[in-house]
Amino acid sequence: MQDGGVDPDPDRSRRLTEAAADALAAMRAGEDDGALDRVADEVRTAPDSHADARELMLLLFRECSAMVAALGSGGTTPVKMQVYDDNGDEVPIDEADPPVRTAVRTLLAEVHGDSEAAKAQLDIALHDAAPEEMAVLMVQALRWTLRLSEECTKRDLPVPPWITG
């Protein structure tokens, strides 16, 4: 839905969910580039590609947030977020590459129930980031969704069927 108005595309939610599900299936099959292509194809054809990219990433981060909450026993057990560099060494979030910082901040905002802050993080990225950085951000959201869903499945925690499909 567009801010303050009626969504001109009532099928948007379904389309974005299907695009995310297709991308996750491609990643599950080891086709990271194919995953990004599926998402890019869906977003590129939208009347407002930035809004659709943002909504698709928000969808993924909302689901990640729900899975983090489930893994953290509804908030009673802390879940640690860690960021690693290319050498596998842990780095502070503020020293991570910009798309990774954005992904972490967006997820943390969603985990803390602040969807407006999550949206603001993505809006800044969409406005300022280079296309390659946006691709990294989208891949990060997809990877986290996939990994969190695998962990939730192992622990018999709920995962939406479109993610595990």
N, C-alpha and C. Protein backbone atom coordinates (compact mmCIF):
# COMPACT_ATOMS: atom_id res chain seq x y z
N MET A 1 0.85 -1.18 0.00
CA MET A 1 0.00 0.00 0.00
C MET A 1 0.89 1.23 0.00
N GLN A 2 0.54 2.20 -0.80
CA GLN A 2 1.27 3.45 -0.86
C GLN A 2 0.92 4.29 0.35
N ASP A 3 1.88 5.11 0.77
CA ASP A 3 1.67 5.93 1.96
C ASP A 3 0.47 6.85 1.76
N GLY A 4 -0.51 6.73 2.67
CA GLY A 4 -1.63 7.64 2.70
C GLY A 4 -2.65 7.45 1.60
N GLY A 5 -2.61 6.35 0.88
CA GLY A 5 -3.57 6.20 -0.19
C GLY A 5 -3.95 4.75 -0.41
N VAL A 6 -4.69 4.54 -1.47
CA VAL A 6 -5.13 3.21 -1.84
C VAL A 6 -4.05 2.60 -2.73
N ASP A 7 -3.73 1.35 -2.50
CA ASP A 7 -2.73 0.67 -3.30
C ASP A 7 -3.27 0.51 -4.73
N PRO A 8 -2.55 1.05 -5.73
CA PRO A 8 -3.02 0.94 -7.11
C PRO A 8 -2.90 -0.49 -7.64
N ASP A 9 -2.19 -1.34 -6.92
CA ASP A 9 -2.01 -2.73 -7.35
C ASP A 9 -2.45 -3.66 -6.22
N PRO A 10 -3.72 -4.07 -6.24
CA PRO A 10 -4.22 -4.92 -5.16
C PRO A 10 -3.54 -6.30 -5.10
N ASP A 11 -2.88 -6.70 -6.18
CA ASP A 11 -2.17 -7.98 -6.21
C ASP A 11 -0.72 -7.87 -5.75
N ARG A 12 -0.31 -6.68 -5.34
CA ARG A 12 1.09 -6.44 -4.99
C ARG A 12 1.59 -7.41 -3.93
N SER A 13 0.86 -7.58 -2.86
CA SER A 13 1.29 -8.45 -1.78
C SER A 13 1.50 -9.88 -2.28
N ARG A 14 0.56 -10.37 -3.05
CA ARG A 14 0.67 -11.72 -3.61
C ARG A 14 1.88 -11.83 -4.54
N ARG A 15 2.04 -10.85 -5.42
CA ARG A 15 3.17 -10.86 -6.37
C ARG A 15 4.51 -10.86 -5.64
N LEU A 16 4.62 -9.99 -4.63
CA LEU A 16 5.89 -9.88 -3.91
C LEU A 16 6.17 -11.13 -3.09
N THR A 17 5.13 -11.70 -2.49
CA THR A 17 5.31 -12.93 -1.74
C THR A 17 5.74 -14.06 -2.67
N GLU A 18 5.12 -14.14 -3.84
CA GLU A 18 5.51 -15.18 -4.81
C GLU A 18 6.94 -14.97 -5.30
N ALA A 19 7.32 -13.72 -5.55
CA ALA A 19 8.68 -13.43 -5.99
C ALA A 19 9.69 -13.83 -4.91
N ALA A 20 9.37 -13.51 -3.66
CA ALA A 20 10.25 -13.88 -2.55
C ALA A 20 10.33 -15.39 -2.42
N ALA A 21 9.20 -16.08 -2.55
CA ALA A 21 9.19 -17.55 -2.46
C ALA A 21 10.02 -18.17 -3.57
N ASP A 22 9.90 -17.64 -4.79
CA ASP A 22 10.69 -18.15 -5.92
C ASP A 22 12.19 -17.91 -5.69
N ALA A 23 12.51 -16.74 -5.18
CA ALA A 23 13.92 -16.41 -4.91
C ALA A 23 14.49 -17.32 -3.82
N LEU A 24 13.72 -17.57 -2.78
CA LEU A 24 14.17 -18.46 -1.71
C LEU A 24 14.36 -19.88 -2.23
N ALA A 25 13.46 -20.33 -3.10
CA ALA A 25 13.61 -21.67 -3.69
C ALA A 25 14.89 -21.75 -4.52
N ALA A 26 15.19 -20.69 -5.26
CA ALA A 26 16.42 -20.67 -6.05
C ALA A 26 17.65 -20.71 -5.13
N MET A 27 17.61 -19.96 -4.05
CA MET A 27 18.75 -19.97 -3.11
C MET A 27 18.89 -21.35 -2.46
N ARG A 28 17.78 -21.94 -2.13
CA ARG A 28 17.80 -23.28 -1.53
C ARG A 28 18.46 -24.27 -2.48
N ALA A 29 18.30 -24.03 -3.78
CA ALA A 29 18.89 -24.90 -4.81
C ALA A 29 20.33 -24.47 -5.15
N GLY A 30 20.86 -23.47 -4.42
CA GLY A 30 22.23 -23.03 -4.65
C GLY A 30 22.39 -22.04 -5.79
N GLU A 31 21.30 -21.44 -6.21
CA GLU A 31 21.32 -20.50 -7.34
C GLU A 31 21.14 -19.07 -6.85
N ASP A 32 22.15 -18.53 -6.15
CA ASP A 32 22.02 -17.18 -5.61
C ASP A 32 21.76 -16.14 -6.70
N ASP A 33 22.48 -16.25 -7.83
CA ASP A 33 22.27 -15.28 -8.91
C ASP A 33 20.86 -15.40 -9.47
N GLY A 34 20.37 -16.61 -9.61
CA GLY A 34 19.01 -16.83 -10.09
C GLY A 34 17.98 -16.25 -9.14
N ALA A 35 18.27 -16.34 -7.84
CA ALA A 35 17.37 -15.78 -6.84
C ALA A 35 17.23 -14.28 -7.02
N LEU A 36 18.36 -13.62 -7.18
CA LEU A 36 18.34 -12.17 -7.35
C LEU A 36 17.66 -11.79 -8.67
N ASP A 37 17.88 -12.59 -9.71
CA ASP A 37 17.22 -12.33 -11.00
C ASP A 37 15.71 -12.40 -10.87
N ARG A 38 15.20 -13.37 -10.11
CA ARG A 38 13.75 -13.52 -9.95
C ARG A 38 13.15 -12.29 -9.26
N VAL A 39 13.83 -11.84 -8.23
CA VAL A 39 13.35 -10.66 -7.50
C VAL A 39 13.45 -9.42 -8.39
N ALA A 40 14.58 -9.27 -9.06
CA ALA A 40 14.78 -8.10 -9.92
C ALA A 40 13.75 -8.05 -11.04
N ASP A 41 13.45 -9.20 -11.64
CA ASP A 41 12.45 -9.23 -12.72
C ASP A 41 11.10 -8.75 -12.22
N GLU A 42 10.70 -9.18 -11.02
CA GLU A 42 9.40 -8.79 -10.47
C GLU A 42 9.38 -7.30 -10.15
N VAL A 43 10.43 -6.82 -9.52
CA VAL A 43 10.47 -5.42 -9.09
C VAL A 43 10.61 -4.49 -10.29
N ARG A 44 11.41 -4.88 -11.25
CA ARG A 44 11.68 -4.04 -12.43
C ARG A 44 10.40 -3.74 -13.21
N THR A 45 9.47 -4.68 -13.25
CA THR A 45 8.25 -4.49 -14.04
C THR A 45 7.17 -3.71 -13.30
N ALA A 46 7.41 -3.40 -12.04
CA ALA A 46 6.41 -2.69 -11.23
C ALA A 46 6.35 -1.21 -11.62
N PRO A 47 5.17 -0.59 -11.50
CA PRO A 47 5.05 0.84 -11.78
C PRO A 47 5.96 1.68 -10.89
N ASP A 48 6.14 1.27 -9.64
CA ASP A 48 7.03 1.98 -8.71
C ASP A 48 8.03 0.96 -8.18
N SER A 49 9.11 0.78 -8.92
CA SER A 49 10.07 -0.28 -8.59
C SER A 49 10.72 -0.08 -7.23
N HIS A 50 10.97 1.19 -6.84
CA HIS A 50 11.56 1.43 -5.51
C HIS A 50 10.61 1.00 -4.40
N ALA A 51 9.34 1.33 -4.55
CA ALA A 51 8.35 0.95 -3.53
C ALA A 51 8.22 -0.57 -3.45
N ASP A 52 8.22 -1.24 -4.59
CA ASP A 52 8.12 -2.69 -4.57
C ASP A 52 9.38 -3.33 -3.97
N ALA A 53 10.54 -2.79 -4.29
CA ALA A 53 11.79 -3.32 -3.71
C ALA A 53 11.75 -3.15 -2.19
N ARG A 54 11.32 -1.99 -1.75
CA ARG A 54 11.23 -1.74 -0.31
C ARG A 54 10.23 -2.69 0.34
N GLU A 55 9.06 -2.85 -0.26
CA GLU A 55 8.04 -3.72 0.32
C GLU A 55 8.47 -5.18 0.34
N LEU A 56 9.19 -5.60 -0.68
CA LEU A 56 9.66 -6.98 -0.71
C LEU A 56 10.69 -7.21 0.40
N MET A 57 11.61 -6.26 0.56
CA MET A 57 12.60 -6.40 1.64
C MET A 57 11.94 -6.30 3.00
N LEU A 58 10.96 -5.42 3.16
CA LEU A 58 10.25 -5.33 4.43
C LEU A 58 9.53 -6.64 4.75
N LEU A 59 8.95 -7.25 3.74
CA LEU A 59 8.31 -8.55 3.91
C LEU A 59 9.32 -9.57 4.46
N LEU A 60 10.49 -9.62 3.85
CA LEU A 60 11.52 -10.56 4.30
C LEU A 60 12.00 -10.23 5.71
N PHE A 61 12.25 -8.97 5.99
CA PHE A 61 12.73 -8.59 7.32
C PHE A 61 11.66 -8.81 8.40
N ARG A 62 10.39 -8.59 8.05
CA ARG A 62 9.31 -8.88 9.02
C ARG A 62 9.28 -10.36 9.36
N GLU A 63 9.42 -11.20 8.34
CA GLU A 63 9.43 -12.64 8.58
C GLU A 63 10.67 -13.05 9.37
N CYS A 64 11.82 -12.44 9.05
CA CYS A 64 13.04 -12.71 9.83
C CYS A 64 12.82 -12.33 11.29
N SER A 65 12.19 -11.20 11.51
CA SER A 65 11.93 -10.73 12.86
C SER A 65 11.05 -11.72 13.62
N ALA A 66 10.01 -12.21 12.95
CA ALA A 66 9.12 -13.18 13.59
C ALA A 66 9.88 -14.46 13.93
N MET A 67 10.77 -14.88 13.05
CA MET A 67 11.54 -16.10 13.31
C MET A 67 12.57 -15.88 14.41
N VAL A 68 13.18 -14.69 14.45
CA VAL A 68 14.10 -14.37 15.55
C VAL A 68 13.35 -14.41 16.87
N ALA A 69 12.14 -13.85 16.89
CA ALA A 69 11.33 -13.88 18.12
C ALA A 69 11.02 -15.31 18.52
N ALA A 70 10.66 -16.15 17.55
CA ALA A 70 10.37 -17.55 17.85
C ALA A 70 11.61 -18.26 18.39
N LEU A 71 12.74 -18.02 17.75
CA LEU A 71 13.99 -18.64 18.20
C LEU A 71 14.40 -18.14 19.58
N GLY A 72 14.04 -16.91 19.88
CA GLY A 72 14.35 -16.33 21.18
C GLY A 72 13.26 -16.57 22.20
N SER A 73 12.48 -17.59 21.99
CA SER A 73 11.39 -17.96 22.91
C SER A 73 10.47 -16.79 23.21
N GLY A 74 10.10 -16.08 22.16
CA GLY A 74 9.18 -14.97 22.32
C GLY A 74 9.79 -13.77 23.02
N GLY A 75 11.10 -13.67 23.00
CA GLY A 75 11.77 -12.53 23.61
C GLY A 75 12.38 -12.84 24.97
N THR A 76 12.18 -14.05 25.49
CA THR A 76 12.73 -14.38 26.80
C THR A 76 14.18 -14.85 26.73
N THR A 77 14.62 -15.27 25.55
CA THR A 77 16.00 -15.70 25.36
C THR A 77 16.63 -14.80 24.30
N PRO A 78 17.75 -14.15 24.62
CA PRO A 78 18.35 -13.25 23.63
C PRO A 78 18.90 -14.02 22.42
N VAL A 79 18.78 -13.39 21.26
CA VAL A 79 19.36 -13.91 20.03
C VAL A 79 20.46 -12.95 19.64
N LYS A 80 21.66 -13.46 19.46
CA LYS A 80 22.82 -12.61 19.17
C LYS A 80 22.97 -12.40 17.67
N MET A 81 23.14 -11.13 17.27
CA MET A 81 23.42 -10.78 15.88
C MET A 81 24.92 -10.58 15.76
N GLN A 82 25.53 -11.24 14.79
CA GLN A 82 26.95 -11.09 14.56
C GLN A 82 27.18 -10.76 13.10
N VAL A 83 28.19 -9.93 12.84
CA VAL A 83 28.57 -9.56 11.49
C VAL A 83 30.03 -9.95 11.32
N TYR A 84 30.31 -10.60 10.19
CA TYR A 84 31.66 -11.07 9.92
C TYR A 84 32.20 -10.44 8.65
N ASP A 85 33.52 -10.23 8.61
CA ASP A 85 34.16 -9.72 7.40
C ASP A 85 34.47 -10.89 6.46
N ASP A 86 35.13 -10.58 5.35
CA ASP A 86 35.44 -11.61 4.36
C ASP A 86 36.38 -12.69 4.89
N ASN A 87 37.12 -12.38 5.95
CA ASN A 87 38.05 -13.35 6.54
C ASN A 87 37.40 -14.18 7.63
N GLY A 88 36.12 -13.93 7.92
CA GLY A 88 35.43 -14.68 8.95
C GLY A 88 35.60 -14.11 10.34
N ASP A 89 36.19 -12.92 10.44
CA ASP A 89 36.37 -12.27 11.74
C ASP A 89 35.15 -11.40 12.05
N GLU A 90 34.69 -11.45 13.31
CA GLU A 90 33.55 -10.64 13.71
C GLU A 90 33.94 -9.16 13.71
N VAL A 91 33.04 -8.33 13.20
CA VAL A 91 33.27 -6.88 13.18
C VAL A 91 32.07 -6.18 13.80
N PRO A 92 32.30 -5.01 14.42
CA PRO A 92 31.16 -4.24 14.94
C PRO A 92 30.23 -3.84 13.79
N ILE A 93 28.96 -3.75 14.06
CA ILE A 93 27.97 -3.42 13.02
C ILE A 93 28.35 -2.13 12.30
N ASP A 94 28.80 -1.13 13.03
CA ASP A 94 29.12 0.15 12.41
C ASP A 94 30.33 0.10 11.49
N GLU A 95 31.09 -1.00 11.53
CA GLU A 95 32.24 -1.16 10.64
C GLU A 95 31.95 -2.10 9.48
N ALA A 96 30.76 -2.63 9.43
CA ALA A 96 30.37 -3.52 8.33
C ALA A 96 30.16 -2.71 7.06
N ASP A 97 30.13 -3.41 5.94
CA ASP A 97 29.84 -2.74 4.67
C ASP A 97 28.45 -2.11 4.74
N PRO A 98 28.24 -0.98 4.05
CA PRO A 98 26.96 -0.27 4.14
C PRO A 98 25.72 -1.13 3.94
N PRO A 99 25.65 -2.03 2.93
CA PRO A 99 24.42 -2.81 2.80
C PRO A 99 24.19 -3.76 3.98
N VAL A 100 25.25 -4.27 4.55
CA VAL A 100 25.12 -5.16 5.70
C VAL A 100 24.66 -4.37 6.91
N ARG A 101 25.21 -3.17 7.09
CA ARG A 101 24.76 -2.29 8.19
C ARG A 101 23.27 -2.01 8.05
N THR A 102 22.84 -1.68 6.84
CA THR A 102 21.43 -1.40 6.60
C THR A 102 20.58 -2.62 6.93
N ALA A 103 21.03 -3.80 6.51
CA ALA A 103 20.28 -5.03 6.78
C ALA A 103 20.15 -5.26 8.28
N VAL A 104 21.25 -5.11 9.01
CA VAL A 104 21.21 -5.32 10.46
C VAL A 104 20.30 -4.31 11.13
N ARG A 105 20.43 -3.06 10.76
CA ARG A 105 19.59 -2.02 11.37
C ARG A 105 18.13 -2.21 11.04
N THR A 106 17.84 -2.64 9.82
CA THR A 106 16.45 -2.88 9.43
C THR A 106 15.87 -4.03 10.23
N LEU A 107 16.64 -5.12 10.34
CA LEU A 107 16.16 -6.26 11.11
C LEU A 107 15.98 -5.90 12.58
N LEU A 108 16.93 -5.18 13.15
CA LEU A 108 16.81 -4.79 14.55
C LEU A 108 15.58 -3.91 14.78
N ALA A 109 15.32 -3.00 13.85
CA ALA A 109 14.12 -2.16 13.97
C ALA A 109 12.87 -3.02 13.97
N GLU A 110 12.80 -3.99 13.07
CA GLU A 110 11.63 -4.89 13.02
C GLU A 110 11.53 -5.73 14.29
N VAL A 111 12.66 -6.25 14.76
CA VAL A 111 12.66 -7.06 15.98
C VAL A 111 12.11 -6.26 17.16
N HIS A 112 12.42 -4.96 17.17
CA HIS A 112 11.96 -4.10 18.27
C HIS A 112 10.59 -3.47 17.99
N GLY A 113 9.93 -3.94 16.93
CA GLY A 113 8.57 -3.49 16.65
C GLY A 113 8.47 -2.10 16.04
N ASP A 114 9.57 -1.60 15.48
CA ASP A 114 9.57 -0.26 14.91
C ASP A 114 9.63 -0.36 13.38
N SER A 115 8.49 -0.68 12.79
CA SER A 115 8.42 -0.85 11.33
C SER A 115 8.72 0.45 10.58
N GLU A 116 8.38 1.58 11.18
CA GLU A 116 8.68 2.86 10.53
C GLU A 116 10.19 3.09 10.42
N ALA A 117 10.94 2.73 11.46
CA ALA A 117 12.41 2.86 11.40
C ALA A 117 12.97 1.89 10.37
N ALA A 118 12.41 0.69 10.29
CA ALA A 118 12.86 -0.28 9.29
C ALA A 118 12.63 0.28 7.89
N LYS A 119 11.45 0.84 7.68
CA LYS A 119 11.12 1.43 6.38
C LYS A 119 12.07 2.59 6.07
N ALA A 120 12.37 3.41 7.06
CA ALA A 120 13.28 4.55 6.86
C ALA A 120 14.67 4.06 6.46
N GLN A 121 15.16 3.00 7.09
CA GLN A 121 16.48 2.45 6.73
C GLN A 121 16.50 2.04 5.25
N LEU A 122 15.44 1.37 4.82
CA LEU A 122 15.39 0.93 3.43
C LEU A 122 15.20 2.09 2.47
N ASP A 123 14.42 3.10 2.87
CA ASP A 123 14.24 4.27 2.01
C ASP A 123 15.57 5.00 1.79
N ILE A 124 16.35 5.12 2.85
CA ILE A 124 17.68 5.76 2.73
C ILE A 124 18.54 4.96 1.77
N ALA A 125 18.55 3.65 1.94
CA ALA A 125 19.36 2.80 1.06
C ALA A 125 18.91 2.91 -0.39
N LEU A 126 17.59 2.87 -0.62
CA LEU A 126 17.08 2.97 -1.98
C LEU A 126 17.43 4.31 -2.62
N HIS A 127 17.48 5.33 -1.82
CA HIS A 127 17.79 6.66 -2.34
C HIS A 127 19.28 6.84 -2.58
N ASP A 128 20.12 6.31 -1.68
CA ASP A 128 21.55 6.60 -1.72
C ASP A 128 22.45 5.48 -2.24
N ALA A 129 21.99 4.25 -2.18
CA ALA A 129 22.87 3.12 -2.50
C ALA A 129 23.00 2.90 -4.00
N ALA A 130 24.16 2.40 -4.37
CA ALA A 130 24.39 1.99 -5.75
C ALA A 130 23.62 0.68 -6.00
N PRO A 131 23.30 0.38 -7.24
CA PRO A 131 22.56 -0.86 -7.55
C PRO A 131 23.24 -2.12 -6.97
N GLU A 132 24.57 -2.17 -6.99
CA GLU A 132 25.27 -3.33 -6.44
C GLU A 132 25.02 -3.46 -4.94
N GLU A 133 24.97 -2.33 -4.25
CA GLU A 133 24.71 -2.35 -2.81
C GLU A 133 23.28 -2.82 -2.53
N MET A 134 22.35 -2.42 -3.36
CA MET A 134 20.97 -2.86 -3.19
C MET A 134 20.86 -4.37 -3.42
N ALA A 135 21.63 -4.85 -4.38
CA ALA A 135 21.64 -6.30 -4.64
C ALA A 135 22.18 -7.04 -3.42
N VAL A 136 23.24 -6.52 -2.81
CA VAL A 136 23.80 -7.15 -1.60
C VAL A 136 22.77 -7.13 -0.48
N LEU A 137 22.07 -6.03 -0.32
CA LEU A 137 21.04 -5.90 0.71
C LEU A 137 19.92 -6.92 0.49
N MET A 138 19.47 -7.07 -0.74
CA MET A 138 18.41 -8.03 -1.06
C MET A 138 18.89 -9.46 -0.80
N VAL A 139 20.11 -9.76 -1.22
CA VAL A 139 20.65 -11.10 -0.99
C VAL A 139 20.77 -11.38 0.50
N GLN A 140 21.18 -10.37 1.26
CA GLN A 140 21.30 -10.54 2.71
C GLN A 140 19.93 -10.87 3.32
N ALA A 141 18.90 -10.15 2.91
CA ALA A 141 17.55 -10.41 3.42
C ALA A 141 17.09 -11.82 3.04
N LEU A 142 17.38 -12.24 1.83
CA LEU A 142 17.01 -13.59 1.40
C LEU A 142 17.78 -14.66 2.18
N ARG A 143 19.08 -14.46 2.33
CA ARG A 143 19.90 -15.44 3.06
C ARG A 143 19.44 -15.59 4.50
N TRP A 144 19.20 -14.46 5.17
CA TRP A 144 18.75 -14.53 6.56
C TRP A 144 17.41 -15.24 6.65
N THR A 145 16.51 -14.94 5.72
CA THR A 145 15.20 -15.60 5.73
C THR A 145 15.38 -17.10 5.58
N LEU A 146 16.23 -17.50 4.66
CA LEU A 146 16.46 -18.92 4.43
C LEU A 146 17.10 -19.58 5.65
N ARG A 147 18.14 -18.98 6.20
CA ARG A 147 18.84 -19.57 7.34
C ARG A 147 17.96 -19.62 8.59
N LEU A 148 17.24 -18.55 8.85
CA LEU A 148 16.36 -18.54 10.02
C LEU A 148 15.24 -19.56 9.86
N SER A 149 14.72 -19.70 8.64
CA SER A 149 13.65 -20.68 8.42
C SER A 149 14.18 -22.10 8.62
N GLU A 150 15.40 -22.36 8.20
CA GLU A 150 15.99 -23.68 8.42
C GLU A 150 16.15 -23.98 9.90
N GLU A 151 16.60 -22.98 10.65
CA GLU A 151 16.79 -23.17 12.09
C GLU A 151 15.44 -23.35 12.79
N CYS A 152 14.46 -22.57 12.40
CA CYS A 152 13.12 -22.72 12.99
C CYS A 152 12.54 -24.10 12.68
N THR A 153 12.73 -24.55 11.45
CA THR A 153 12.23 -25.87 11.06
C THR A 153 12.88 -26.97 11.89
N LYS A 154 14.20 -26.87 12.09
CA LYS A 154 14.91 -27.85 12.92
C LYS A 154 14.34 -27.92 14.33
N ARG A 155 13.89 -26.78 14.83
CA ARG A 155 13.38 -26.71 16.20
C ARG A 155 11.86 -26.83 16.29
N ASP A 156 11.24 -27.21 15.19
CA ASP A 156 9.78 -27.34 15.13
C ASP A 156 9.06 -26.05 15.49
N LEU A 157 9.62 -24.92 15.05
CA LEU A 157 8.99 -23.62 15.26
C LEU A 157 8.26 -23.23 13.98
N PRO A 158 7.24 -22.39 14.09
CA PRO A 158 6.44 -22.05 12.90
C PRO A 158 7.23 -21.24 11.86
N VAL A 159 7.02 -21.62 10.62
CA VAL A 159 7.58 -20.90 9.47
C VAL A 159 6.48 -20.84 8.42
N PRO A 160 6.23 -19.67 7.85
CA PRO A 160 5.18 -19.59 6.83
C PRO A 160 5.47 -20.54 5.66
N PRO A 161 4.44 -21.21 5.16
CA PRO A 161 4.64 -22.18 4.07
C PRO A 161 5.29 -21.60 2.82
N TRP A 162 5.03 -20.31 2.52
CA TRP A 162 5.63 -19.74 1.32
C TRP A 162 7.16 -19.65 1.45
N ILE A 163 7.68 -19.63 2.66
CA ILE A 163 9.14 -19.58 2.84
C ILE A 163 9.74 -20.97 2.67
N THR A 164 9.09 -21.98 3.19
CA THR A 164 9.65 -23.34 3.14
C THR A 164 9.28 -24.07 1.86
N GLY A 165 8.32 -23.53 1.11
CA GLY A 165 7.79 -24.19 -0.07
C GLY A 165 8.83 -24.67 -1.00
